[in-house]
Amino acid sequence: MPQVVSVRVRNGRGRRVRLWIPILPVLLVLSPVLLLALAVAVAAVACLVWRINPVRALDAGWGLLCALRGTRIEIEHSRTAVLVDIR
């Protein structure tokens, strides 16, 4: 797997800019966006396979998300605790 991407840009006046972009930190920052895009793609394929109107599916998903308001989840295991509070 490549570690660094080198990008060279030259403008109309001949000035050059070179950027070195590390791959791993960029992937870590963009991973939530990639996961969301993957979920949308899977949902779109599922709508096509089962012949469901994507607009109605999106409306139902939005309604489900809105209904989660006030949900509180607490998990404790020995000295570790996780609290999820949706407001």
C-alpha atoms as a PDB file:
ATOM      1  CA  MET A   1       0.000   0.000   0.000  1.00  0.00           C
ATOM      2  CA  PRO A   2       1.385   3.436  -0.857  1.00  0.00           C
ATOM      3  CA  GLN A   3       2.327   5.599   2.098  1.00  0.00           C
ATOM      4  CA  VAL A   4       2.574   9.080   0.559  1.00  0.00           C
ATOM      5  CA  VAL A   5       1.024  10.799  -2.463  1.00  0.00           C
ATOM      6  CA  SER A   6       3.047  13.524  -4.124  1.00  0.00           C
ATOM      7  CA  VAL A   7       1.032  16.239  -5.884  1.00  0.00           C
ATOM      8  CA  ARG A   8       2.678  18.824  -8.112  1.00  0.00           C
ATOM      9  CA  VAL A   9       0.764  21.874  -9.334  1.00  0.00           C
ATOM     10  CA  ARG A  10       1.995  24.518 -11.756  1.00  0.00           C
ATOM     11  CA  ASN A  11      -0.002  27.693 -12.342  1.00  0.00           C
ATOM     12  CA  GLY A  12      -0.095  29.810 -15.495  1.00  0.00           C
ATOM     13  CA  ARG A  13       2.862  31.933 -14.374  1.00  0.00           C
ATOM     14  CA  GLY A  14       5.144  28.918 -14.031  1.00  0.00           C
ATOM     15  CA  ARG A  15       5.140  28.772 -10.245  1.00  0.00           C
ATOM     16  CA  ARG A  16       5.236  25.215  -8.923  1.00  0.00           C
ATOM     17  CA  VAL A  17       3.853  23.856  -5.678  1.00  0.00           C
ATOM     18  CA  ARG A  18       4.589  20.349  -4.449  1.00  0.00           C
ATOM     19  CA  LEU A  19       2.567  18.676  -1.696  1.00  0.00           C
ATOM     20  CA  TRP A  20       3.261  15.395   0.048  1.00  0.00           C
ATOM     21  CA  ILE A  21       0.054  13.924   1.458  1.00  0.00           C
ATOM     22  CA  PRO A  22       0.317  10.956   3.852  1.00  0.00           C
ATOM     23  CA  ILE A  23      -2.293   8.312   3.013  1.00  0.00           C
ATOM     24  CA  LEU A  24      -3.012   6.803   6.441  1.00  0.00           C
ATOM     25  CA  PRO A  25      -4.025  10.026   8.270  1.00  0.00           C
ATOM     26  CA  VAL A  26      -6.212  11.064   5.332  1.00  0.00           C
ATOM     27  CA  LEU A  27      -7.926   7.660   5.344  1.00  0.00           C
ATOM     28  CA  LEU A  28      -8.484   7.888   9.096  1.00  0.00           C
ATOM     29  CA  VAL A  29     -10.053  11.327   8.769  1.00  0.00           C
ATOM     30  CA  LEU A  30     -12.218  10.334   5.789  1.00  0.00           C
ATOM     31  CA  SER A  31     -13.234   6.886   7.059  1.00  0.00           C
ATOM     32  CA  PRO A  32     -16.592   8.064   8.496  1.00  0.00           C
ATOM     33  CA  VAL A  33     -17.446   9.601   5.131  1.00  0.00           C
ATOM     34  CA  LEU A  34     -16.391   6.407   3.347  1.00  0.00           C
ATOM     35  CA  LEU A  35     -18.539   4.299   5.679  1.00  0.00           C
ATOM     36  CA  LEU A  36     -21.517   6.581   5.080  1.00  0.00           C
ATOM     37  CA  ALA A  37     -21.017   6.377   1.308  1.00  0.00           C
ATOM     38  CA  LEU A  38     -20.804   2.587   1.543  1.00  0.00           C
ATOM     39  CA  ALA A  39     -24.041   2.463   3.552  1.00  0.00           C
ATOM     40  CA  VAL A  40     -25.807   4.667   0.984  1.00  0.00           C
ATOM     41  CA  ALA A  41     -24.557   2.479  -1.870  1.00  0.00           C
ATOM     42  CA  VAL A  42     -25.732  -0.709  -0.153  1.00  0.00           C
ATOM     43  CA  ALA A  43     -29.123   0.878   0.562  1.00  0.00           C
ATOM     44  CA  ALA A  44     -29.465   1.966  -3.073  1.00  0.00           C
ATOM     45  CA  VAL A  45     -28.675  -1.530  -4.328  1.00  0.00           C
ATOM     46  CA  ALA A  46     -31.118  -3.030  -1.811  1.00  0.00           C
ATOM     47  CA  CYS A  47     -33.853  -0.664  -3.022  1.00  0.00           C
ATOM     48  CA  LEU A  48     -33.222  -1.742  -6.616  1.00  0.00           C
ATOM     49  CA  VAL A  49     -33.181  -5.453  -5.759  1.00  0.00           C
ATOM     50  CA  TRP A  50     -36.416  -5.406  -3.740  1.00  0.00           C
ATOM     51  CA  ARG A  51     -38.068  -2.742  -5.921  1.00  0.00           C
ATOM     52  CA  ILE A  52     -38.571  -0.272  -3.096  1.00  0.00           C
ATOM     53  CA  ASN A  53     -39.051   3.419  -3.771  1.00  0.00           C
ATOM     54  CA  PRO A  54     -35.793   5.051  -2.513  1.00  0.00           C
ATOM     55  CA  VAL A  55     -37.638   8.252  -1.519  1.00  0.00           C
ATOM     56  CA  ARG A  56     -40.037   6.322   0.719  1.00  0.00           C
ATOM     57  CA  ALA A  57     -37.118   4.323   2.181  1.00  0.00           C
ATOM     58  CA  LEU A  58     -35.264   7.565   2.939  1.00  0.00           C
ATOM     59  CA  ASP A  59     -38.412   8.987   4.547  1.00  0.00           C
ATOM     60  CA  ALA A  60     -38.802   5.871   6.706  1.00  0.00           C
ATOM     61  CA  GLY A  61     -35.123   5.996   7.723  1.00  0.00           C
ATOM     62  CA  TRP A  62     -35.426   9.671   8.628  1.00  0.00           C
ATOM     63  CA  GLY A  63     -38.520   8.913  10.712  1.00  0.00           C
ATOM     64  CA  LEU A  64     -36.656   6.153  12.526  1.00  0.00           C
ATOM     65  CA  LEU A  65     -33.713   8.462  13.212  1.00  0.00           C
ATOM     66  CA  CYS A  66     -36.036  11.172  14.550  1.00  0.00           C
ATOM     67  CA  ALA A  67     -37.773   8.630  16.807  1.00  0.00           C
ATOM     68  CA  LEU A  68     -34.466   7.876  18.557  1.00  0.00           C
ATOM     69  CA  ARG A  69     -34.609  11.187  20.427  1.00  0.00           C
ATOM     70  CA  GLY A  70     -34.397  10.616  24.175  1.00  0.00           C
ATOM     71  CA  THR A  71     -32.701   7.221  23.840  1.00  0.00           C
ATOM     72  CA  ARG A  72     -30.121   6.518  26.528  1.00  0.00           C
ATOM     73  CA  ILE A  73     -27.827   3.482  26.420  1.00  0.00           C
ATOM     74  CA  GLU A  74     -25.469   2.694  29.294  1.00  0.00           C
ATOM     75  CA  ILE A  75     -23.016  -0.195  29.168  1.00  0.00           C
ATOM     76  CA  GLU A  76     -20.676  -1.065  32.041  1.00  0.00           C
ATOM     77  CA  HIS A  77     -18.131  -3.847  32.171  1.00  0.00           C
ATOM     78  CA  SER A  78     -15.675  -3.968  35.081  1.00  0.00           C
ATOM     79  CA  ARG A  79     -14.001  -0.522  35.050  1.00  0.00           C
ATOM     80  CA  THR A  80     -15.068   0.434  31.521  1.00  0.00           C
ATOM     81  CA  ALA A  81     -18.267   2.346  30.859  1.00  0.00           C
ATOM     82  CA  VAL A  82     -19.925   3.624  27.679  1.00  0.00           C
ATOM     83  CA  LEU A  83     -22.829   6.069  27.649  1.00  0.00           C
ATOM     84  CA  VAL A  84     -24.746   6.974  24.487  1.00  0.00           C
ATOM     85  CA  ASP A  85     -27.311   9.712  24.981  1.00  0.00           C
ATOM     86  CA  ILE A  86     -29.286  10.863  21.929  1.00  0.00           C
ATOM     87  CA  ARG A  87     -30.925  14.234  22.478  1.00  0.00           C
END
